[in-house]
Amino acid sequence: TDSDLQVNFKELALGLEKFRSESEDSFEESVDMALTALLVFDENSSRTLSYVQFARFLLTFCAAIGSSFEEIGAKLLEMELTPGSDGGELRSKKSAALNEIMREVANADRMIQTVNDARCEALFEMFDRDGSGDVDFKELALGLRLFNPSEGLEGAAMAASVMLLSFDEDDDQKLDRVEFANFLNNFCETLGADFDELADFLVVACLTADDSNDRDVAVLSEIQPSIVSKIKSAQKKIEK
């Protein structure tokens, strides 16, 4: 619909819904079909269908519903010439829902790319100082301090606590590899940098940084409970 010679997920879902308007679940079914179509026919992982890819999808769609291409083409032409029956408010809600799904798909795609990036694995191992297979509060605080070596331990500890509360999905006070990748992606957004820039900087910073002494680790262990308490208290006030 935007004349860019590509059919994206949103356009595909809205187009499919027109064929299934007689069903009460037409919107949900169209969303599922659009996601499936992209998984099957989007060969270059662009989350859009080119002309050729769309043609292949359309032929498969025709076969699946037992209609010829000519019948589908005639119906498409009729729909283009007939004003839509959706109210403006309903169409806006559907559009917003599809935009949210597109964001979720994009985030999932970005997460997979980050997890599979060799630099992400290298960074995880650098942050994971004790080789436990997880990045705990102290390791995260020491890693975050690389961005501002002059910052005090309390500032780094505060940032690490916020990150753990945000990305520690299983509440074990540690980040596993997937949670760590999620943290990296969101940290990029916060800094306004892309993953390549952040990863390259962190790899160099980790390799050149002085090893933190036992005193730093002991101080972090000491101040963690009070900092977590402060952050949770602030969150409760905001929620109220």
Protein backbone atom coordinates (compact mmCIF):
# COMPACT_ATOMS: atom_id res chain seq x y z
CA THR A 1 0.00 0.00 0.00
CA ASP A 2 2.97 2.37 0.38
CA SER A 3 4.22 1.73 -3.20
CA ASP A 4 7.75 0.72 -2.12
CA LEU A 5 7.61 -2.48 -4.25
CA GLN A 6 7.80 -4.57 -1.06
CA VAL A 7 4.96 -6.09 0.96
CA ASN A 8 5.62 -5.92 4.69
CA PHE A 9 3.94 -7.82 7.49
CA LYS A 10 1.38 -5.11 8.22
CA GLU A 11 0.34 -4.77 4.57
CA LEU A 12 0.13 -8.53 4.17
CA ALA A 13 -2.03 -8.99 7.28
CA LEU A 14 -4.47 -6.24 6.32
CA GLY A 15 -4.70 -7.57 2.76
CA LEU A 16 -5.35 -11.14 3.91
CA GLU A 17 -8.05 -9.98 6.27
CA LYS A 18 -10.12 -8.73 3.34
CA PHE A 19 -10.34 -12.31 2.05
CA ARG A 20 -11.45 -13.59 5.43
CA SER A 21 -13.84 -10.80 6.46
CA GLU A 22 -16.69 -13.26 6.87
CA SER A 23 -14.95 -14.88 9.85
CA GLU A 24 -15.20 -13.43 13.37
CA ASP A 25 -11.55 -14.28 13.94
CA SER A 26 -10.44 -12.91 10.57
CA PHE A 27 -7.96 -10.41 12.01
CA GLU A 28 -6.19 -12.92 14.28
CA GLU A 29 -6.15 -15.53 11.52
CA SER A 30 -4.74 -13.01 9.05
CA VAL A 31 -1.97 -12.06 11.48
CA ASP A 32 -1.02 -15.74 11.88
CA MET A 33 -1.07 -16.28 8.12
CA ALA A 34 1.06 -13.18 7.50
CA LEU A 35 3.67 -14.32 10.02
CA THR A 36 3.73 -17.78 8.47
CA ALA A 37 4.06 -16.32 4.97
CA LEU A 38 7.07 -14.24 5.99
CA LEU A 39 8.72 -17.24 7.65
CA VAL A 40 8.25 -19.38 4.53
CA PHE A 41 8.74 -16.95 1.64
CA ASP A 42 11.01 -14.20 3.03
CA GLU A 43 14.25 -15.87 1.93
CA ASN A 44 16.56 -12.93 2.75
CA SER A 45 15.13 -12.25 6.25
CA SER A 46 14.12 -8.69 5.37
CA ARG A 47 10.67 -9.13 6.95
CA THR A 48 9.15 -8.11 3.61
CA LEU A 49 8.14 -9.94 0.43
CA SER A 50 9.55 -8.89 -2.92
CA TYR A 51 7.46 -9.12 -6.09
CA VAL A 52 8.69 -12.64 -6.83
CA GLN A 53 8.29 -13.80 -3.23
CA PHE A 54 4.78 -12.33 -3.07
CA ALA A 55 3.87 -14.08 -6.33
CA ARG A 56 5.01 -17.42 -4.88
CA PHE A 57 3.00 -16.79 -1.73
CA LEU A 58 -0.08 -15.81 -3.75
CA LEU A 59 0.05 -18.99 -5.84
CA THR A 60 0.39 -21.08 -2.67
CA PHE A 61 -2.48 -19.15 -1.08
CA CYS A 62 -4.69 -19.79 -4.12
CA ALA A 63 -3.97 -23.52 -3.96
CA ALA A 64 -4.64 -23.61 -0.20
CA ILE A 65 -8.12 -22.06 -0.49
CA GLY A 66 -9.02 -23.91 -3.68
CA SER A 67 -9.29 -20.83 -5.92
CA SER A 68 -7.62 -19.96 -9.18
CA PHE A 69 -5.32 -16.98 -9.55
CA GLU A 70 -7.89 -15.39 -11.88
CA GLU A 71 -10.61 -15.60 -9.19
CA ILE A 72 -8.31 -14.12 -6.56
CA GLY A 73 -7.20 -11.40 -8.96
CA ALA A 74 -10.81 -10.46 -9.72
CA LYS A 75 -11.62 -10.27 -6.02
CA LEU A 76 -8.56 -8.12 -5.37
CA LEU A 77 -9.61 -5.70 -8.09
CA GLU A 78 -13.15 -5.56 -6.70
CA MET A 79 -11.85 -4.80 -3.21
CA GLU A 80 -9.62 -2.03 -4.50
CA LEU A 81 -12.60 -0.38 -6.17
CA THR A 82 -14.94 -0.84 -3.18
CA PRO A 83 -14.62 1.47 -0.14
CA GLY A 84 -13.50 -0.32 2.99
CA SER A 85 -16.13 -1.28 5.55
CA ASP A 86 -13.84 -0.81 8.56
CA GLY A 87 -14.46 2.28 10.65
CA GLY A 88 -11.54 4.64 11.01
CA GLU A 89 -11.15 3.93 14.74
CA LEU A 90 -11.18 0.15 14.26
CA ARG A 91 -8.65 0.34 11.44
CA SER A 92 -6.39 2.52 13.61
CA LYS A 93 -6.53 -0.06 16.42
CA LYS A 94 -5.67 -2.87 14.02
CA SER A 95 -2.84 -0.82 12.57
CA ALA A 96 -1.46 -0.14 16.07
CA ALA A 97 -1.68 -3.83 16.96
CA LEU A 98 0.19 -4.79 13.80
CA ASN A 99 2.85 -2.16 14.45
CA GLU A 100 3.40 -3.64 17.92
CA ILE A 101 3.75 -7.14 16.46
CA MET A 102 6.24 -5.79 13.90
CA ARG A 103 8.30 -4.29 16.73
CA GLU A 104 8.24 -7.57 18.65
CA VAL A 105 9.33 -9.52 15.58
CA ALA A 106 12.12 -7.00 14.91
CA ASN A 107 13.29 -7.23 18.54
CA ALA A 108 13.28 -11.03 18.42
CA ASP A 109 15.24 -10.96 15.17
CA ARG A 110 17.76 -8.54 16.66
CA MET A 111 18.06 -10.71 19.78
CA ILE A 112 18.86 -13.81 17.71
CA GLN A 113 21.51 -11.89 15.76
CA THR A 114 23.09 -10.59 18.97
CA VAL A 115 23.13 -13.98 20.72
CA ASN A 116 24.79 -15.54 17.66
CA ASP A 117 27.37 -12.76 17.33
CA ALA A 118 30.84 -13.96 18.35
CA ARG A 119 31.52 -10.61 20.02
CA CYS A 120 28.52 -11.07 22.31
CA GLU A 121 29.91 -14.42 23.42
CA ALA A 122 33.35 -12.86 23.95
CA LEU A 123 31.86 -10.01 25.99
CA PHE A 124 29.83 -12.44 28.07
CA GLU A 125 32.96 -14.39 28.92
CA MET A 126 34.82 -11.15 29.76
CA PHE A 127 32.05 -9.97 32.08
CA ASP A 128 31.73 -13.46 33.60
CA ARG A 129 34.96 -13.15 35.58
CA ASP A 130 34.51 -16.30 37.64
CA GLY A 131 33.51 -18.46 34.68
CA SER A 132 30.24 -19.51 36.32
CA GLY A 133 28.23 -19.20 33.10
CA ASP A 134 26.26 -16.21 34.40
CA VAL A 135 26.96 -12.50 34.96
CA ASP A 136 26.10 -11.55 38.54
CA PHE A 137 25.62 -8.14 40.12
CA LYS A 138 29.29 -7.55 40.92
CA GLU A 139 30.49 -8.64 37.47
CA LEU A 140 27.88 -6.45 35.77
CA ALA A 141 28.80 -3.42 37.88
CA LEU A 142 32.51 -3.84 37.12
CA GLY A 143 31.72 -4.25 33.42
CA LEU A 144 29.50 -1.16 33.29
CA ARG A 145 32.24 0.84 34.97
CA LEU A 146 34.29 0.45 31.79
CA PHE A 147 32.13 3.14 30.17
CA ASN A 148 33.21 5.66 32.77
CA PRO A 149 36.30 4.52 34.69
CA SER A 150 36.23 7.68 36.83
CA GLU A 151 32.74 6.87 38.10
CA GLY A 152 32.54 5.62 41.65
CA LEU A 153 31.55 2.08 42.52
CA GLU A 154 28.19 3.24 43.87
CA GLY A 155 27.19 4.72 40.51
CA ALA A 156 28.17 1.53 38.68
CA ALA A 157 26.37 -0.53 41.31
CA MET A 158 23.22 1.54 40.89
CA ALA A 159 23.28 1.00 37.10
CA ALA A 160 23.93 -2.74 37.54
CA SER A 161 20.97 -3.07 39.92
CA VAL A 162 18.66 -1.33 37.45
CA MET A 163 19.86 -3.61 34.66
CA LEU A 164 19.32 -6.74 36.74
CA LEU A 165 15.82 -5.66 37.73
CA SER A 166 15.06 -4.97 34.06
CA PHE A 167 16.59 -8.00 32.32
CA ASP A 168 16.84 -10.78 34.91
CA GLU A 169 13.69 -12.57 33.75
CA ASP A 170 13.95 -15.56 36.11
CA ASP A 171 14.83 -13.42 39.19
CA ASP A 172 17.99 -15.34 40.05
CA GLN A 173 20.03 -12.13 40.42
CA LYS A 174 22.17 -13.06 37.41
CA LEU A 175 22.09 -12.67 33.64
CA ASP A 176 22.37 -15.73 31.45
CA ARG A 177 23.52 -15.47 27.83
CA VAL A 178 20.11 -14.55 26.42
CA GLU A 179 19.39 -12.04 29.20
CA PHE A 180 22.86 -10.57 28.68
CA ALA A 181 22.19 -10.16 24.94
CA ASN A 182 18.90 -8.43 25.76
CA PHE A 183 20.77 -6.12 28.13
CA LEU A 184 23.32 -5.28 25.41
CA ASN A 185 20.62 -4.46 22.84
CA ASN A 186 18.73 -2.19 25.21
CA PHE A 187 21.94 -0.58 26.40
CA CYS A 188 22.68 0.29 22.76
CA GLU A 189 19.31 2.02 22.48
CA THR A 190 19.95 3.99 25.67
CA LEU A 191 23.33 5.18 24.41
CA GLY A 192 22.05 5.85 20.89
CA ALA A 193 24.69 3.51 19.47
CA ASP A 194 24.41 0.42 17.30
CA PHE A 195 25.55 -3.00 18.46
CA ASP A 196 28.71 -2.97 16.33
CA GLU A 197 29.94 0.25 17.95
CA LEU A 198 29.15 -0.89 21.48
CA ALA A 199 30.58 -4.39 21.04
CA ASP A 200 33.85 -3.15 19.53
CA PHE A 201 34.27 -0.56 22.29
CA LEU A 202 33.54 -3.03 25.09
CA VAL A 203 35.86 -5.71 23.72
CA VAL A 204 38.75 -3.24 23.59
CA ALA A 205 37.86 -1.76 27.00
CA CYS A 206 37.71 -5.21 28.63
CA LEU A 207 41.06 -6.22 27.18
CA THR A 208 42.81 -3.01 28.27
CA ALA A 209 41.14 -2.45 31.65
CA ASP A 210 43.00 -3.03 34.89
CA ASP A 211 41.71 -5.96 36.92
CA SER A 212 39.51 -4.80 39.77
CA ASN A 213 40.91 -5.68 43.16
CA ASP A 214 39.26 -7.73 45.89
CA ARG A 215 38.34 -4.56 47.75
CA ASP A 216 36.08 -3.39 44.91
CA VAL A 217 34.30 -6.75 44.88
CA ALA A 218 33.87 -6.64 48.65
CA VAL A 219 32.46 -3.11 48.53
CA LEU A 220 29.96 -4.10 45.82
CA SER A 221 28.79 -7.05 47.91
CA GLU A 222 28.33 -4.70 50.83
CA ILE A 223 26.33 -1.99 49.09
CA GLN A 224 24.14 -4.18 46.83
CA PRO A 225 21.26 -4.74 49.32
CA SER A 226 20.83 -1.04 50.12
CA ILE A 227 20.96 -0.01 46.46
CA VAL A 228 18.40 -2.63 45.40
CA SER A 229 16.16 -1.49 48.25
CA LYS A 230 16.40 2.16 47.10
CA ILE A 231 15.55 1.27 43.49
CA LYS A 232 12.57 -0.91 44.46
CA SER A 233 11.30 1.83 46.76
CA ALA A 234 11.55 4.37 43.94
CA GLN A 235 9.72 2.00 41.57
CA LYS A 236 6.84 1.62 44.03
CA LYS A 237 6.50 5.41 44.31
CA ILE A 238 6.39 5.74 40.55
CA GLU A 239 3.74 3.00 40.24
CA LYS A 240 1.54 4.83 42.76
